[in-house]
Amino acid sequence: MGSGGQGNVRAHVYVSGFVQGVGFRYSMLRVARAAGVRGWVRNLRDGRVEAVLEGPEDAVMRVIEWARRGPPGAWVERVEVVWEPYRGEFEGFEVVY
């Protein structure tokens, strides 16, 4: 972070609240693809949603900001973001299981 929106970043994101069974993953898929962000999103057994986001810093930040609201029907309690070294390992954005 701190690159002024330039360059690629990687964020490991955990979303807590009422975020399963409300279309959260597929909504994030659409938002991430539209923003040009690569990575994946999945449900965790503890009720959270986990995602890894890679791409331009401003685009990754847009997806994180969307995750703070989520899709209609979701109630987001907390978004935890762990910044990791950019790896460039993804071709696109997918829902994983």
PDB file of N, CA and C in Angstrom:
ATOM      1  N   MET A   1       0.840  -1.197   0.000  1.00  0.00           N
ATOM      2  CA  MET A   1       0.000   0.000   0.000  1.00  0.00           C
ATOM      3  C   MET A   1       0.867   1.235   0.000  1.00  0.00           C
ATOM      4  N   GLY A   2       0.216   2.355  -0.110  1.00  0.00           N
ATOM      5  CA  GLY A   2       0.948   3.599  -0.064  1.00  0.00           C
ATOM      6  C   GLY A   2       1.591   3.961  -1.375  1.00  0.00           C
ATOM      7  N   SER A   3       1.242   3.276  -2.456  1.00  0.00           N
ATOM      8  CA  SER A   3       1.857   3.572  -3.745  1.00  0.00           C
ATOM      9  C   SER A   3       1.046   4.599  -4.532  1.00  0.00           C
ATOM     10  N   GLY A   4       0.087   5.246  -3.852  1.00  0.00           N
ATOM     11  CA  GLY A   4      -0.686   6.290  -4.521  1.00  0.00           C
ATOM     12  C   GLY A   4      -1.594   5.783  -5.615  1.00  0.00           C
ATOM     13  N   GLY A   5      -2.041   4.516  -5.494  1.00  0.00           N
ATOM     14  CA  GLY A   5      -2.962   3.970  -6.479  1.00  0.00           C
ATOM     15  C   GLY A   5      -2.248   3.389  -7.684  1.00  0.00           C
ATOM     16  N   GLN A   6      -0.938   3.430  -7.716  1.00  0.00           N
ATOM     17  CA  GLN A   6      -0.185   2.893  -8.842  1.00  0.00           C
ATOM     18  C   GLN A   6       0.333   1.513  -8.491  1.00  0.00           C
ATOM     19  N   GLY A   7       0.465   0.663  -9.486  1.00  0.00           N
ATOM     20  CA  GLY A   7       1.029  -0.658  -9.258  1.00  0.00           C
ATOM     21  C   GLY A   7       0.006  -1.642  -8.747  1.00  0.00           C
ATOM     22  N   ASN A   8       0.427  -2.888  -8.701  1.00  0.00           N
ATOM     23  CA  ASN A   8      -0.457  -3.972  -8.296  1.00  0.00           C
ATOM     24  C   ASN A   8      -0.263  -4.329  -6.834  1.00  0.00           C
ATOM     25  N   VAL A   9      -1.365  -4.727  -6.204  1.00  0.00           N
ATOM     26  CA  VAL A   9      -1.353  -5.110  -4.794  1.00  0.00           C
ATOM     27  C   VAL A   9      -2.108  -6.420  -4.631  1.00  0.00           C
ATOM     28  N   ARG A  10      -1.970  -7.018  -3.447  1.00  0.00           N
ATOM     29  CA  ARG A  10      -2.687  -8.246  -3.097  1.00  0.00           C
ATOM     30  C   ARG A  10      -3.287  -8.064  -1.711  1.00  0.00           C
ATOM     31  N   ALA A  11      -4.586  -8.325  -1.614  1.00  0.00           N
ATOM     32  CA  ALA A  11      -5.288  -8.228  -0.335  1.00  0.00           C
ATOM     33  C   ALA A  11      -5.983  -9.550  -0.052  1.00  0.00           C
ATOM     34  N   HIS A  12      -5.790 -10.048   1.169  1.00  0.00           N
ATOM     35  CA  HIS A  12      -6.500 -11.244   1.650  1.00  0.00           C
ATOM     36  C   HIS A  12      -7.601 -10.717   2.563  1.00  0.00           C
ATOM     37  N   VAL A  13      -8.849 -10.986   2.206  1.00  0.00           N
ATOM     38  CA  VAL A  13      -9.992 -10.332   2.825  1.00  0.00           C
ATOM     39  C   VAL A  13     -10.903 -11.366   3.496  1.00  0.00           C
ATOM     40  N   TYR A  14     -11.338 -11.039   4.714  1.00  0.00           N
ATOM     41  CA  TYR A  14     -12.292 -11.871   5.446  1.00  0.00           C
ATOM     42  C   TYR A  14     -13.489 -10.998   5.801  1.00  0.00           C
ATOM     43  N   VAL A  15     -14.679 -11.427   5.383  1.00  0.00           N
ATOM     44  CA  VAL A  15     -15.900 -10.646   5.612  1.00  0.00           C
ATOM     45  C   VAL A  15     -16.783 -11.409   6.586  1.00  0.00           C
ATOM     46  N   SER A  16     -17.144 -10.746   7.697  1.00  0.00           N
ATOM     47  CA  SER A  16     -17.984 -11.344   8.729  1.00  0.00           C
ATOM     48  C   SER A  16     -19.347 -10.672   8.751  1.00  0.00           C
ATOM     49  N   GLY A  17     -20.341 -11.408   9.225  1.00  0.00           N
ATOM     50  CA  GLY A  17     -21.705 -10.906   9.338  1.00  0.00           C
ATOM     51  C   GLY A  17     -22.650 -11.909   8.706  1.00  0.00           C
ATOM     52  N   PHE A  18     -23.785 -11.417   8.217  1.00  0.00           N
ATOM     53  CA  PHE A  18     -24.723 -12.273   7.486  1.00  0.00           C
ATOM     54  C   PHE A  18     -24.349 -12.171   6.019  1.00  0.00           C
ATOM     55  N   VAL A  19     -23.375 -13.017   5.605  1.00  0.00           N
ATOM     56  CA  VAL A  19     -22.793 -12.874   4.275  1.00  0.00           C
ATOM     57  C   VAL A  19     -22.839 -14.167   3.459  1.00  0.00           C
ATOM     58  N   GLN A  20     -23.497 -15.204   3.990  1.00  0.00           N
ATOM     59  CA  GLN A  20     -23.671 -16.433   3.225  1.00  0.00           C
ATOM     60  C   GLN A  20     -25.154 -16.623   2.945  1.00  0.00           C
ATOM     61  N   GLY A  21     -25.455 -17.144   1.763  1.00  0.00           N
ATOM     62  CA  GLY A  21     -26.845 -17.367   1.378  1.00  0.00           C
ATOM     63  C   GLY A  21     -27.534 -16.119   0.867  1.00  0.00           C
ATOM     64  N   VAL A  22     -26.756 -15.081   0.564  1.00  0.00           N
ATOM     65  CA  VAL A  22     -27.324 -13.821   0.075  1.00  0.00           C
ATOM     66  C   VAL A  22     -26.712 -13.409  -1.265  1.00  0.00           C
ATOM     67  N   GLY A  23     -25.994 -14.326  -1.915  1.00  0.00           N
ATOM     68  CA  GLY A  23     -25.386 -14.018  -3.208  1.00  0.00           C
ATOM     69  C   GLY A  23     -24.105 -13.221  -3.112  1.00  0.00           C
ATOM     70  N   PHE A  24     -23.480 -13.228  -1.941  1.00  0.00           N
ATOM     71  CA  PHE A  24     -22.280 -12.406  -1.730  1.00  0.00           C
ATOM     72  C   PHE A  24     -21.161 -12.785  -2.695  1.00  0.00           C
ATOM     73  N   ARG A  25     -20.871 -14.087  -2.811  1.00  0.00           N
ATOM     74  CA  ARG A  25     -19.746 -14.514  -3.650  1.00  0.00           C
ATOM     75  C   ARG A  25     -19.952 -14.151  -5.110  1.00  0.00           C
ATOM     76  N   TYR A  26     -21.153 -14.388  -5.630  1.00  0.00           N
ATOM     77  CA  TYR A  26     -21.370 -14.121  -7.048  1.00  0.00           C
ATOM     78  C   TYR A  26     -21.481 -12.628  -7.332  1.00  0.00           C
ATOM     79  N   SER A  27     -21.959 -11.866  -6.358  1.00  0.00           N
ATOM     80  CA  SER A  27     -21.938 -10.414  -6.507  1.00  0.00           C
ATOM     81  C   SER A  27     -20.505  -9.912  -6.515  1.00  0.00           C
ATOM     82  N   MET A  28     -19.659 -10.441  -5.606  1.00  0.00           N
ATOM     83  CA  MET A  28     -18.250 -10.032  -5.594  1.00  0.00           C
ATOM     84  C   MET A  28     -17.567 -10.427  -6.898  1.00  0.00           C
ATOM     85  N   LEU A  29     -17.917 -11.572  -7.441  1.00  0.00           N
ATOM     86  CA  LEU A  29     -17.382 -12.006  -8.728  1.00  0.00           C
ATOM     87  C   LEU A  29     -17.636 -10.948  -9.796  1.00  0.00           C
ATOM     88  N   ARG A  30     -18.864 -10.478  -9.882  1.00  0.00           N
ATOM     89  CA  ARG A  30     -19.207  -9.467 -10.891  1.00  0.00           C
ATOM     90  C   ARG A  30     -18.467  -8.157 -10.629  1.00  0.00           C
ATOM     91  N   VAL A  31     -18.429  -7.735  -9.369  1.00  0.00           N
ATOM     92  CA  VAL A  31     -17.773  -6.472  -9.014  1.00  0.00           C
ATOM     93  C   VAL A  31     -16.276  -6.552  -9.310  1.00  0.00           C
ATOM     94  N   ALA A  32     -15.647  -7.657  -8.920  1.00  0.00           N
ATOM     95  CA  ALA A  32     -14.204  -7.813  -9.127  1.00  0.00           C
ATOM     96  C   ALA A  32     -13.860  -7.865 -10.609  1.00  0.00           C
ATOM     97  N   ARG A  33     -14.621  -8.638 -11.375  1.00  0.00           N
ATOM     98  CA  ARG A  33     -14.349  -8.723 -12.817  1.00  0.00           C
ATOM     99  C   ARG A  33     -14.525  -7.367 -13.478  1.00  0.00           C
ATOM    100  N   ALA A  34     -15.565  -6.633 -13.095  1.00  0.00           N
ATOM    101  CA  ALA A  34     -15.807  -5.312 -13.678  1.00  0.00           C
ATOM    102  C   ALA A  34     -14.669  -4.344 -13.347  1.00  0.00           C
ATOM    103  N   ALA A  35     -14.059  -4.525 -12.168  1.00  0.00           N
ATOM    104  CA  ALA A  35     -12.967  -3.638 -11.739  1.00  0.00           C
ATOM    105  C   ALA A  35     -11.614  -4.079 -12.286  1.00  0.00           C
ATOM    106  N   GLY A  36     -11.558  -5.266 -12.911  1.00  0.00           N
ATOM    107  CA  GLY A  36     -10.293  -5.773 -13.410  1.00  0.00           C
ATOM    108  C   GLY A  36      -9.432  -6.405 -12.332  1.00  0.00           C
ATOM    109  N   VAL A  37     -10.082  -6.873 -11.262  1.00  0.00           N
ATOM    110  CA  VAL A  37      -9.371  -7.509 -10.152  1.00  0.00           C
ATOM    111  C   VAL A  37      -9.374  -9.016 -10.380  1.00  0.00           C
ATOM    112  N   ARG A  38      -8.246  -9.645 -10.075  1.00  0.00           N
ATOM    113  CA  ARG A  38      -8.108 -11.091 -10.216  1.00  0.00           C
ATOM    114  C   ARG A  38      -8.046 -11.737  -8.829  1.00  0.00           C
ATOM    115  N   GLY A  39      -8.351 -13.050  -8.758  1.00  0.00           N
ATOM    116  CA  GLY A  39      -8.287 -13.772  -7.495  1.00  0.00           C
ATOM    117  C   GLY A  39      -9.444 -14.723  -7.354  1.00  0.00           C
ATOM    118  N   TRP A  40      -9.917 -14.879  -6.116  1.00  0.00           N
ATOM    119  CA  TRP A  40     -11.008 -15.811  -5.842  1.00  0.00           C
ATOM    120  C   TRP A  40     -11.768 -15.405  -4.591  1.00  0.00           C
ATOM    121  N   VAL A  41     -12.952 -16.015  -4.436  1.00  0.00           N
ATOM    122  CA  VAL A  41     -13.792 -15.804  -3.254  1.00  0.00           C
ATOM    123  C   VAL A  41     -14.439 -17.131  -2.895  1.00  0.00           C
ATOM    124  N   ARG A  42     -14.607 -17.383  -1.597  1.00  0.00           N
ATOM    125  CA  ARG A  42     -15.250 -18.611  -1.144  1.00  0.00           C
ATOM    126  C   ARG A  42     -15.909 -18.399   0.208  1.00  0.00           C
ATOM    127  N   ASN A  43     -16.866 -19.301   0.530  1.00  0.00           N
ATOM    128  CA  ASN A  43     -17.462 -19.346   1.860  1.00  0.00           C
ATOM    129  C   ASN A  43     -16.553 -20.145   2.791  1.00  0.00           C
ATOM    130  N   LEU A  44     -16.483 -19.728   4.040  1.00  0.00           N
ATOM    131  CA  LEU A  44     -15.786 -20.491   5.070  1.00  0.00           C
ATOM    132  C   LEU A  44     -16.816 -21.177   5.962  1.00  0.00           C
ATOM    133  N   ARG A  45     -16.430 -22.271   6.593  1.00  0.00           N
ATOM    134  CA  ARG A  45     -17.350 -23.033   7.441  1.00  0.00           C
ATOM    135  C   ARG A  45     -17.833 -22.223   8.640  1.00  0.00           C
ATOM    136  N   ASP A  46     -17.042 -21.225   9.057  1.00  0.00           N
ATOM    137  CA  ASP A  46     -17.441 -20.435  10.238  1.00  0.00           C
ATOM    138  C   ASP A  46     -18.426 -19.313   9.899  1.00  0.00           C
ATOM    139  N   GLY A  47     -18.900 -19.266   8.644  1.00  0.00           N
ATOM    140  CA  GLY A  47     -19.892 -18.270   8.260  1.00  0.00           C
ATOM    141  C   GLY A  47     -19.327 -17.040   7.589  1.00  0.00           C
ATOM    142  N   ARG A  48     -18.005 -16.907   7.567  1.00  0.00           N
ATOM    143  CA  ARG A  48     -17.387 -15.769   6.893  1.00  0.00           C
ATOM    144  C   ARG A  48     -17.213 -16.054   5.404  1.00  0.00           C
ATOM    145  N   VAL A  49     -16.934 -14.999   4.654  1.00  0.00           N
ATOM    146  CA  VAL A  49     -16.521 -15.102   3.262  1.00  0.00           C
ATOM    147  C   VAL A  49     -15.054 -14.691   3.209  1.00  0.00           C
ATOM    148  N   GLU A  50     -14.250 -15.469   2.476  1.00  0.00           N
ATOM    149  CA  GLU A  50     -12.820 -15.193   2.314  1.00  0.00           C
ATOM    150  C   GLU A  50     -12.550 -14.897   0.850  1.00  0.00           C
ATOM    151  N   ALA A  51     -11.683 -13.926   0.588  1.00  0.00           N
ATOM    152  CA  ALA A  51     -11.317 -13.612  -0.794  1.00  0.00           C
ATOM    153  C   ALA A  51      -9.853 -13.204  -0.856  1.00  0.00           C
ATOM    154  N   VAL A  52      -9.237 -13.488  -1.996  1.00  0.00           N
ATOM    155  CA  VAL A  52      -7.916 -12.952  -2.311  1.00  0.00           C
ATOM    156  C   VAL A  52      -8.093 -12.103  -3.557  1.00  0.00           C
ATOM    157  N   LEU A  53      -7.673 -10.850  -3.449  1.00  0.00           N
ATOM    158  CA  LEU A  53      -7.844  -9.874  -4.527  1.00  0.00           C
ATOM    159  C   LEU A  53      -6.478  -9.402  -4.997  1.00  0.00           C
ATOM    160  N   GLU A  54      -6.239  -9.446  -6.296  1.00  0.00           N
ATOM    161  CA  GLU A  54      -5.000  -8.917  -6.865  1.00  0.00           C
ATOM    162  C   GLU A  54      -5.318  -8.013  -8.034  1.00  0.00           C
ATOM    163  N   GLY A  55      -4.559  -6.931  -8.136  1.00  0.00           N
ATOM    164  CA  GLY A  55      -4.724  -6.024  -9.260  1.00  0.00           C
ATOM    165  C   GLY A  55      -4.271  -4.635  -8.881  1.00  0.00           C
ATOM    166  N   PRO A  56      -4.594  -3.654  -9.722  1.00  0.00           N
ATOM    167  CA  PRO A  56      -4.236  -2.265  -9.417  1.00  0.00           C
ATOM    168  C   PRO A  56      -4.818  -1.850  -8.067  1.00  0.00           C
ATOM    169  N   GLU A  57      -4.048  -1.095  -7.306  1.00  0.00           N
ATOM    170  CA  GLU A  57      -4.454  -0.727  -5.950  1.00  0.00           C
ATOM    171  C   GLU A  57      -5.828  -0.082  -5.907  1.00  0.00           C
ATOM    172  N   ASP A  58      -6.102   0.847  -6.823  1.00  0.00           N
ATOM    173  CA  ASP A  58      -7.405   1.530  -6.790  1.00  0.00           C
ATOM    174  C   ASP A  58      -8.547   0.561  -7.070  1.00  0.00           C
ATOM    175  N   ALA A  59      -8.338  -0.410  -7.952  1.00  0.00           N
ATOM    176  CA  ALA A  59      -9.379  -1.394  -8.260  1.00  0.00           C
ATOM    177  C   ALA A  59      -9.611  -2.327  -7.073  1.00  0.00           C
ATOM    178  N   VAL A  60      -8.543  -2.787  -6.437  1.00  0.00           N
ATOM    179  CA  VAL A  60      -8.675  -3.645  -5.259  1.00  0.00           C
ATOM    180  C   VAL A  60      -9.396  -2.894  -4.152  1.00  0.00           C
ATOM    181  N   MET A  61      -9.075  -1.619  -3.965  1.00  0.00           N
ATOM    182  CA  MET A  61      -9.747  -0.818  -2.941  1.00  0.00           C
ATOM    183  C   MET A  61     -11.245  -0.679  -3.243  1.00  0.00           C
ATOM    184  N   ARG A  62     -11.611  -0.559  -4.513  1.00  0.00           N
ATOM    185  CA  ARG A  62     -13.034  -0.472  -4.880  1.00  0.00           C
ATOM    186  C   ARG A  62     -13.772  -1.748  -4.477  1.00  0.00           C
ATOM    187  N   VAL A  63     -13.162  -2.916  -4.693  1.00  0.00           N
ATOM    188  CA  VAL A  63     -13.808  -4.180  -4.325  1.00  0.00           C
ATOM    189  C   VAL A  63     -13.921  -4.290  -2.801  1.00  0.00           C
ATOM    190  N   ILE A  64     -12.887  -3.876  -2.088  1.00  0.00           N
ATOM    191  CA  ILE A  64     -12.940  -3.905  -0.618  1.00  0.00           C
ATOM    192  C   ILE A  64     -14.042  -2.980  -0.112  1.00  0.00           C
ATOM    193  N   GLU A  65     -14.150  -1.796  -0.686  1.00  0.00           N
ATOM    194  CA  GLU A  65     -15.215  -0.865  -0.272  1.00  0.00           C
ATOM    195  C   GLU A  65     -16.585  -1.460  -0.562  1.00  0.00           C
ATOM    196  N   TRP A  66     -16.736  -2.128  -1.709  1.00  0.00           N
ATOM    197  CA  TRP A  66     -18.010  -2.802  -1.998  1.00  0.00           C
ATOM    198  C   TRP A  66     -18.288  -3.865  -0.929  1.00  0.00           C
ATOM    199  N   ALA A  67     -17.247  -4.625  -0.534  1.00  0.00           N
ATOM    200  CA  ALA A  67     -17.424  -5.702   0.446  1.00  0.00           C
ATOM    201  C   ALA A  67     -17.906  -5.176   1.792  1.00  0.00           C
ATOM    202  N   ARG A  68     -17.615  -3.927   2.103  1.00  0.00           N
ATOM    203  CA  ARG A  68     -18.076  -3.340   3.372  1.00  0.00           C
ATOM    204  C   ARG A  68     -19.595  -3.170   3.387  1.00  0.00           C
ATOM    205  N   ARG A  69     -20.225  -3.159   2.213  1.00  0.00           N
ATOM    206  CA  ARG A  69     -21.690  -3.086   2.096  1.00  0.00           C
ATOM    207  C   ARG A  69     -22.272  -4.434   1.705  1.00  0.00           C
ATOM    208  N   GLY A  70     -21.660  -5.073   0.697  1.00  0.00           N
ATOM    209  CA  GLY A  70     -22.157  -6.341   0.187  1.00  0.00           C
ATOM    210  C   GLY A  70     -23.386  -6.155  -0.678  1.00  0.00           C
ATOM    211  N   PRO A  71     -23.946  -7.261  -1.134  1.00  0.00           N
ATOM    212  CA  PRO A  71     -25.145  -7.196  -1.977  1.00  0.00           C
ATOM    213  C   PRO A  71     -26.393  -6.958  -1.128  1.00  0.00           C
ATOM    214  N   PRO A  72     -27.530  -6.653  -1.764  1.00  0.00           N
ATOM    215  CA  PRO A  72     -28.778  -6.532  -1.010  1.00  0.00           C
ATOM    216  C   PRO A  72     -29.039  -7.820  -0.226  1.00  0.00           C
ATOM    217  N   GLY A  73     -29.459  -7.686   1.007  1.00  0.00           N
ATOM    218  CA  GLY A  73     -29.742  -8.841   1.841  1.00  0.00           C
ATOM    219  C   GLY A  73     -28.596  -9.225   2.764  1.00  0.00           C
ATOM    220  N   ALA A  74     -27.406  -8.737   2.461  1.00  0.00           N
ATOM    221  CA  ALA A  74     -26.256  -9.021   3.328  1.00  0.00           C
ATOM    222  C   ALA A  74     -26.219  -8.004   4.463  1.00  0.00           C
ATOM    223  N   TRP A  75     -25.629  -8.416   5.569  1.00  0.00           N
ATOM    224  CA  TRP A  75     -25.361  -7.510   6.687  1.00  0.00           C
ATOM    225  C   TRP A  75     -23.900  -7.734   7.063  1.00  0.00           C
ATOM    226  N   VAL A  76     -23.058  -6.773   6.686  1.00  0.00           N
ATOM    227  CA  VAL A  76     -21.626  -6.903   6.909  1.00  0.00           C
ATOM    228  C   VAL A  76     -21.277  -6.308   8.268  1.00  0.00           C
ATOM    229  N   GLU A  77     -20.700  -7.143   9.104  1.00  0.00           N
ATOM    230  CA  GLU A  77     -20.315  -6.726  10.451  1.00  0.00           C
ATOM    231  C   GLU A  77     -18.862  -6.247  10.493  1.00  0.00           C
ATOM    232  N   ARG A  78     -17.999  -6.946   9.739  1.00  0.00           N
ATOM    233  CA  ARG A  78     -16.570  -6.625   9.794  1.00  0.00           C
ATOM    234  C   ARG A  78     -15.890  -7.072   8.510  1.00  0.00           C
ATOM    235  N   VAL A  79     -14.943  -6.263   8.038  1.00  0.00           N
ATOM    236  CA  VAL A  79     -14.091  -6.641   6.918  1.00  0.00           C
ATOM    237  C   VAL A  79     -12.651  -6.535   7.400  1.00  0.00           C
ATOM    238  N   GLU A  80     -11.963  -7.674   7.424  1.00  0.00           N
ATOM    239  CA  GLU A  80     -10.553  -7.716   7.824  1.00  0.00           C
ATOM    240  C   GLU A  80      -9.721  -7.839   6.550  1.00  0.00           C
ATOM    241  N   VAL A  81      -8.733  -6.958   6.397  1.00  0.00           N
ATOM    242  CA  VAL A  81      -7.879  -6.962   5.215  1.00  0.00           C
ATOM    243  C   VAL A  81      -6.437  -7.185   5.644  1.00  0.00           C
ATOM    244  N   VAL A  82      -5.809  -8.195   5.064  1.00  0.00           N
ATOM    245  CA  VAL A  82      -4.394  -8.470   5.297  1.00  0.00           C
ATOM    246  C   VAL A  82      -3.669  -8.232   3.978  1.00  0.00           C
ATOM    247  N   TRP A  83      -2.780  -7.238   3.955  1.00  0.00           N
ATOM    248  CA  TRP A  83      -2.021  -6.932   2.738  1.00  0.00           C
ATOM    249  C   TRP A  83      -0.845  -7.891   2.637  1.00  0.00           C
ATOM    250  N   GLU A  84      -0.707  -8.510   1.475  1.00  0.00           N
ATOM    251  CA  GLU A  84       0.342  -9.493   1.226  1.00  0.00           C
ATOM    252  C   GLU A  84       1.147  -9.075   0.000  1.00  0.00           C
ATOM    253  N   PRO A  85       2.335  -9.643  -0.179  1.00  0.00           N
ATOM    254  CA  PRO A  85       3.109  -9.318  -1.387  1.00  0.00           C
ATOM    255  C   PRO A  85       2.355  -9.748  -2.642  1.00  0.00           C
ATOM    256  N   TYR A  86       2.344  -8.889  -3.647  1.00  0.00           N
ATOM    257  CA  TYR A  86       1.692  -9.198  -4.917  1.00  0.00           C
ATOM    258  C   TYR A  86       2.399 -10.382  -5.574  1.00  0.00           C
ATOM    259  N   ARG A  87       1.608 -11.345  -6.076  1.00  0.00           N
ATOM    260  CA  ARG A  87       2.178 -12.532  -6.706  1.00  0.00           C
ATOM    261  C   ARG A  87       1.862 -12.651  -8.188  1.00  0.00           C
ATOM    262  N   GLY A  88       0.769 -12.044  -8.628  1.00  0.00           N
ATOM    263  CA  GLY A  88       0.401 -12.132 -10.045  1.00  0.00           C
ATOM    264  C   GLY A  88       0.079 -13.548 -10.497  1.00  0.00           C
ATOM    265  N   GLU A  89      -0.557 -14.329  -9.625  1.00  0.00           N
ATOM    266  CA  GLU A  89      -0.762 -15.745  -9.922  1.00  0.00           C
ATOM    267  C   GLU A  89      -2.115 -16.078 -10.537  1.00  0.00           C
ATOM    268  N   PHE A  90      -2.992 -15.109 -10.720  1.00  0.00           N
ATOM    269  CA  PHE A  90      -4.350 -15.402 -11.190  1.00  0.00           C
ATOM    270  C   PHE A  90      -4.586 -14.890 -12.602  1.00  0.00           C
ATOM    271  N   GLU A  91      -5.351 -15.677 -13.358  1.00  0.00           N
ATOM    272  CA  GLU A  91      -5.732 -15.271 -14.717  1.00  0.00           C
ATOM    273  C   GLU A  91      -7.014 -14.434 -14.715  1.00  0.00           C
ATOM    274  N   GLY A  92      -7.884 -14.700 -13.758  1.00  0.00           N
ATOM    275  CA  GLY A  92      -9.169 -14.017 -13.690  1.00  0.00           C
ATOM    276  C   GLY A  92      -9.672 -14.047 -12.268  1.00  0.00           C
ATOM    277  N   PHE A  93     -10.988 -13.920 -12.086  1.00  0.00           N
ATOM    278  CA  PHE A  93     -11.588 -13.976 -10.758  1.00  0.00           C
ATOM    279  C   PHE A  93     -12.620 -15.076 -10.743  1.00  0.00           C
ATOM    280  N   GLU A  94     -12.576 -15.937  -9.741  1.00  0.00           N
ATOM    281  CA  GLU A  94     -13.458 -17.108  -9.683  1.00  0.00           C
ATOM    282  C   GLU A  94     -14.055 -17.283  -8.305  1.00  0.00           C
ATOM    283  N   VAL A  95     -15.192 -17.988  -8.251  1.00  0.00           N
ATOM    284  CA  VAL A  95     -15.730 -18.506  -6.988  1.00  0.00           C
ATOM    285  C   VAL A  95     -15.127 -19.891  -6.823  1.00  0.00           C
ATOM    286  N   VAL A  96     -14.517 -20.156  -5.662  1.00  0.00           N
ATOM    287  CA  VAL A  96     -13.934 -21.468  -5.388  1.00  0.00           C
ATOM    288  C   VAL A  96     -14.682 -22.116  -4.223  1.00  0.00           C
ATOM    289  N   TYR A  97     -14.542 -23.431  -4.127  1.00  0.00           N
ATOM    290  CA  TYR A  97     -15.284 -24.193  -3.119  1.00  0.00           C
ATOM    291  C   TYR A  97     -14.337 -24.999  -2.266  1.00  0.00           C
TER     292      TYR A  97
END
